[in-house]
Protein backbone atom coordinates (compact mmCIF):
# COMPACT_ATOMS: atom_id res chain seq x y z
CA UNK A 1 0.00 0.00 0.00
CA UNK A 2 2.92 2.33 0.65
CA UNK A 3 4.20 1.65 -2.88
CA UNK A 4 0.77 2.36 -4.31
CA UNK A 5 0.60 5.62 -2.40
CA UNK A 6 4.04 6.68 -3.54
CA UNK A 7 3.11 5.92 -7.15
CA UNK A 8 -0.03 8.04 -6.80
CA UNK A 9 1.98 10.90 -5.28
CA UNK A 10 4.56 10.70 -8.07
CA UNK A 11 1.83 10.88 -10.71
CA UNK A 12 0.12 13.77 -8.88
CA UNK A 13 3.29 15.90 -8.78
CA UNK A 14 4.29 15.04 -12.33
CA UNK A 15 7.22 12.73 -11.46
CA UNK A 16 6.12 10.00 -13.83
CA UNK A 17 9.48 8.18 -13.70
CA UNK A 18 9.19 7.68 -9.96
CA UNK A 19 5.56 6.70 -10.28
CA UNK A 20 6.45 4.06 -12.85
CA UNK A 21 9.26 2.75 -10.65
CA UNK A 22 7.00 2.37 -7.63
CA UNK A 23 4.30 0.69 -9.73
CA UNK A 24 6.86 -1.73 -11.15
CA UNK A 25 8.18 -2.62 -7.69
CA UNK A 26 4.60 -3.13 -6.44
CA UNK A 27 3.79 -5.43 -9.39
CA UNK A 28 6.88 -7.53 -8.60
CA UNK A 29 6.25 -7.83 -4.87
CA UNK A 30 2.55 -8.70 -4.89
CA UNK A 31 2.92 -12.25 -6.33
CA UNK A 32 5.94 -12.88 -4.05
CA UNK A 33 3.89 -11.87 -1.00
CA UNK A 34 1.01 -14.07 -2.12
CA UNK A 35 3.16 -17.14 -2.59
CA UNK A 36 4.84 -16.61 0.78
CA UNK A 37 1.76 -16.06 2.93
CA UNK A 38 -1.26 -17.68 1.24
CA UNK A 39 -2.77 -20.33 3.52
CA UNK A 40 -4.99 -22.67 1.53
CA UNK A 41 -6.50 -24.27 4.64
CA UNK A 42 -7.75 -20.91 5.94
CA UNK A 43 -8.36 -19.47 2.50
CA UNK A 44 -6.46 -16.26 3.26
CA UNK A 45 -3.02 -14.81 3.99
CA UNK A 46 -2.70 -15.82 7.62
CA UNK A 47 -1.52 -18.79 9.63
CA UNK A 48 -2.70 -17.76 13.13
CA UNK A 49 -6.47 -17.24 13.61
CA UNK A 50 -5.76 -14.24 15.83
CA UNK A 51 -3.91 -12.59 12.93
CA UNK A 52 -6.56 -13.43 10.36
CA UNK A 53 -8.55 -10.19 10.51
CA UNK A 54 -5.47 -7.95 10.32
CA UNK A 55 -3.58 -9.79 7.59
CA UNK A 56 -6.67 -10.46 5.47
CA UNK A 57 -7.80 -6.84 5.61
CA UNK A 58 -4.32 -5.54 4.77
CA UNK A 59 -3.78 -8.07 1.95
CA UNK A 60 -7.16 -7.28 0.36
CA UNK A 61 -6.52 -3.55 0.63
CA UNK A 62 -3.16 -4.04 -1.09
CA UNK A 63 -4.75 -5.81 -4.02
CA UNK A 64 -3.17 -9.20 -3.41
CA UNK A 65 -4.55 -12.42 -4.95
CA UNK A 66 -6.65 -13.52 -7.90
CA UNK A 67 -10.37 -12.82 -8.06
CA UNK A 68 -11.25 -16.26 -6.69
CA UNK A 69 -8.67 -16.03 -3.91
CA UNK A 70 -9.96 -12.61 -2.90
CA UNK A 71 -13.51 -13.97 -2.69
CA UNK A 72 -12.20 -16.80 -0.52
CA UNK A 73 -10.36 -14.33 1.73
CA UNK A 74 -13.49 -12.16 2.20
CA UNK A 75 -15.48 -15.29 3.10
CA UNK A 76 -12.78 -16.31 5.59
CA UNK A 77 -12.75 -12.85 7.09
CA UNK A 78 -16.53 -12.79 7.36
CA UNK A 79 -16.61 -16.23 9.05
CA UNK A 80 -13.94 -15.19 11.53
CA UNK A 81 -15.79 -12.00 12.56
CA UNK A 82 -19.09 -13.86 12.95
CA UNK A 83 -17.46 -16.70 14.88
CA UNK A 84 -16.27 -14.13 17.41
CA UNK A 85 -19.74 -12.67 17.89
CA UNK A 86 -18.97 -9.66 15.66
CA UNK A 87 -15.87 -8.64 17.63
CA UNK A 88 -12.45 -7.41 16.60
CA UNK A 89 -9.00 -8.98 16.80
CA UNK A 90 -7.28 -6.21 14.82
CA UNK A 91 -4.89 -3.66 16.23
CA UNK A 92 -3.62 -0.31 14.94
CA UNK A 93 -2.30 -1.78 11.66
CA UNK A 94 -5.41 -3.59 10.50
CA UNK A 95 -8.24 -1.58 12.04
CA UNK A 96 -8.07 1.12 9.33
CA UNK A 97 -8.97 -1.38 6.61
CA UNK A 98 -11.31 -3.87 8.24
CA UNK A 99 -14.67 -2.23 7.59
CA UNK A 100 -13.66 -1.09 4.11
CA UNK A 101 -12.58 -4.56 2.94
CA UNK A 102 -15.73 -6.16 4.34
CA UNK A 103 -17.94 -3.60 2.58
CA UNK A 104 -16.02 -3.80 -0.69
CA UNK A 105 -16.39 -7.58 -0.49
CA UNK A 106 -20.17 -7.23 -0.22
CA UNK A 107 -20.33 -7.94 3.53
CA UNK A 108 -22.01 -4.66 4.47
CA UNK A 109 -24.10 -6.38 7.15
CA UNK A 110 -21.04 -7.71 8.94
CA UNK A 111 -19.27 -4.31 8.70
CA UNK A 112 -22.33 -2.61 10.15
CA UNK A 113 -22.61 -5.06 13.06
CA UNK A 114 -18.94 -4.49 13.84
CA UNK A 115 -19.38 -0.71 13.74
CA UNK A 116 -22.42 -0.86 16.03
CA UNK A 117 -21.02 -3.44 18.48
CA UNK A 118 -20.97 -2.20 22.06
CA UNK A 119 -19.44 -5.14 23.96
CA UNK A 120 -15.73 -5.73 24.39
CA UNK A 121 -13.69 -5.43 22.22
CA UNK A 122 -15.27 -2.78 20.01
CA UNK A 123 -15.42 0.92 19.25
CA UNK A 124 -18.84 1.03 20.93
CA UNK A 125 -17.30 -0.40 24.09
CA UNK A 126 -15.00 2.63 24.18
CA UNK A 127 -17.97 5.00 23.67
CA UNK A 128 -19.96 3.26 26.41
CA UNK A 129 -17.09 4.16 28.76
CA UNK A 130 -17.18 7.80 27.74
CA UNK A 131 -14.10 7.60 25.53
CA UNK A 132 -13.65 10.61 23.28
CA UNK A 133 -10.37 9.47 21.75
CA UNK A 134 -8.85 6.28 20.33
CA UNK A 135 -7.13 4.19 23.00
CA UNK A 136 -3.89 2.30 22.58
CA UNK A 137 -5.57 -0.99 23.51
CA UNK A 138 -9.13 -2.22 23.40
CA UNK A 139 -9.34 -2.51 27.20
CA UNK A 140 -7.79 0.89 27.92
CA UNK A 141 -5.95 -0.50 30.97
CA UNK A 142 -2.82 -2.53 31.58
CA UNK A 143 -3.58 -6.22 30.85
CA UNK A 144 -1.69 -9.32 29.63
CA UNK A 145 -1.84 -8.12 26.03
CA UNK A 146 -0.48 -4.67 26.94
CA UNK A 147 1.41 -4.77 30.24
CA UNK A 148 2.14 -1.04 30.49
CA UNK A 149 -0.73 1.40 30.97
CA UNK A 150 -1.97 2.30 27.46
CA UNK A 151 -2.42 5.89 26.36
CA UNK A 152 -5.98 7.11 25.82
CA UNK A 153 -4.94 9.45 23.04
CA UNK A 154 -3.50 7.22 20.38
CA UNK A 155 -2.88 9.69 17.55
CA UNK A 156 -1.80 7.11 14.92
CA UNK A 157 -5.25 5.54 15.27
CA UNK A 158 -7.19 8.68 14.40
CA UNK A 159 -7.60 7.38 10.86
CA UNK A 160 -9.95 4.78 12.36
CA UNK A 161 -12.69 7.37 12.59
CA UNK A 162 -12.68 8.13 8.88
CA UNK A 163 -12.73 4.45 8.02
CA UNK A 164 -15.66 3.84 10.31
CA UNK A 165 -17.49 6.82 8.88
CA UNK A 166 -16.87 6.09 5.22
CA UNK A 167 -18.95 2.90 4.78
CA UNK A 168 -21.56 4.21 7.21
CA UNK A 169 -21.85 7.49 5.28
CA UNK A 170 -22.43 5.55 2.05
CA UNK A 171 -25.07 3.46 3.78
CA UNK A 172 -26.70 6.58 5.20
CA UNK A 173 -26.99 8.08 1.72
CA UNK A 174 -28.48 4.85 0.39
CA UNK A 175 -31.03 4.82 3.23
CA UNK A 176 -32.08 8.37 2.38
CA UNK A 177 -32.57 7.43 -1.27
CA UNK A 178 -35.09 4.72 -0.34
CA UNK A 179 -36.72 6.83 2.36
CA UNK A 180 -35.53 4.68 5.28
CA UNK A 181 -34.88 6.13 8.77
CA UNK A 182 -31.52 7.88 9.20
CA UNK A 183 -28.79 5.56 10.38
CA UNK A 184 -27.39 7.94 13.00
CA UNK A 185 -30.60 7.64 14.98
CA UNK A 186 -29.68 4.03 15.73
CA UNK A 187 -26.01 4.53 16.57
CA UNK A 188 -25.02 4.33 20.25
CA UNK A 189 -23.91 7.99 20.48
CA UNK A 190 -25.78 10.68 22.40
CA UNK A 191 -25.81 14.30 21.27
CA UNK A 192 -24.76 16.82 22.34
CA UNK A 193 -21.37 15.60 23.59
CA UNK A 194 -18.97 17.75 25.57
CA UNK A 195 -15.19 17.69 25.41
CA UNK A 196 -12.41 19.07 27.60
CA UNK A 197 -9.30 20.07 25.65
CA UNK A 198 -5.86 20.75 27.12
CA UNK A 199 -3.63 22.87 24.90
CA UNK A 200 -0.24 24.60 25.46
CA UNK A 201 -1.75 28.10 25.69
CA UNK A 202 -4.45 27.32 28.22
CA UNK A 203 -7.26 24.86 28.82
CA UNK A 204 -10.53 24.85 26.93
CA UNK A 205 -12.60 23.64 29.89
CA UNK A 206 -15.99 23.43 28.25
CA UNK A 207 -16.38 22.42 24.62
CA UNK A 208 -19.97 21.61 23.56
CA UNK A 209 -20.09 19.50 20.42
CA UNK A 210 -23.47 20.09 18.88
CA UNK A 211 -25.21 18.50 15.92
CA UNK A 212 -28.14 19.36 13.73
CA UNK A 213 -29.37 18.13 10.38
CA UNK A 214 -26.86 20.15 8.38
CA UNK A 215 -23.65 20.27 10.38
CA UNK A 216 -21.71 19.59 13.52
CA UNK A 217 -20.31 22.53 15.48
CA UNK A 218 -17.57 22.74 18.08
CA UNK A 219 -17.62 25.79 20.40
CA UNK A 220 -14.04 26.45 21.50
CA UNK A 221 -12.79 28.91 24.08
CA UNK A 222 -9.34 30.14 23.05
CA UNK A 223 -7.03 31.74 25.61
CA UNK A 224 -3.99 33.26 23.96
CA UNK A 225 -0.83 34.69 25.60
CA UNK A 226 0.09 37.97 23.90
CA UNK A 227 3.18 40.03 24.89
CA UNK A 228 3.58 38.15 28.17
CA UNK A 229 -0.02 38.47 29.29
CA UNK A 230 -3.20 36.51 28.73
CA UNK A 231 -5.57 38.16 26.35
CA UNK A 232 -9.27 38.16 27.23
CA UNK A 233 -10.82 34.76 26.42
CA UNK A 234 -12.91 34.71 23.30
CA UNK A 235 -14.90 32.06 21.51
CA UNK A 236 -14.78 30.81 17.99
CA UNK A 237 -17.18 28.45 16.25
CA UNK A 238 -16.01 25.94 13.71
CA UNK A 239 -18.33 23.96 11.46
CA UNK A 240 -17.71 20.85 9.48
């Protein structure tokens, strides 16, 4: 996937020679990867069941395998998720691609159940415990899988949110087209939510995060230090 991204960047900036080189390297490595890691008994690119979700999602996202092998891998991934009661075994590397590969493989129902799961381990389990960030581990505390206390602000995992939102956003649009109830009404998130932000130039102690039909708004109090003194607090409103 890194080679694919570099090829896309090269093409975007007009460096066609570099783009061609990255594409060529990618084309050479894909069949080597497939021969090295394909597991016919599991029907995917994994040998350990606990690694199946991560390695299958990553391999599918990277475009590995023939059409029939990719179908087999999606089926294996779907079976694994369902056998675990719609729970995750992925970590930071695979979580970005899990919902996307399930949806692109036609398993929208499984992707949706994963996204809406509220028991451990799941994103909904975090939300049920008032998490407003991505944690370094699913439990959020020191345990046998992560012996040191995990951070509750795992910045490399922020891409998770966009990958959760992307298939759900497409589904929400489809539901609107057929006149079905809006998906967000069924998600386990209560609005409004309130955040507390800590920033180098002063705390933002009260941040209401509001939502209406057209937008979400974050009301932020900004305390700035100017010429050695603190300027009067003022508020700014940002929409997205």
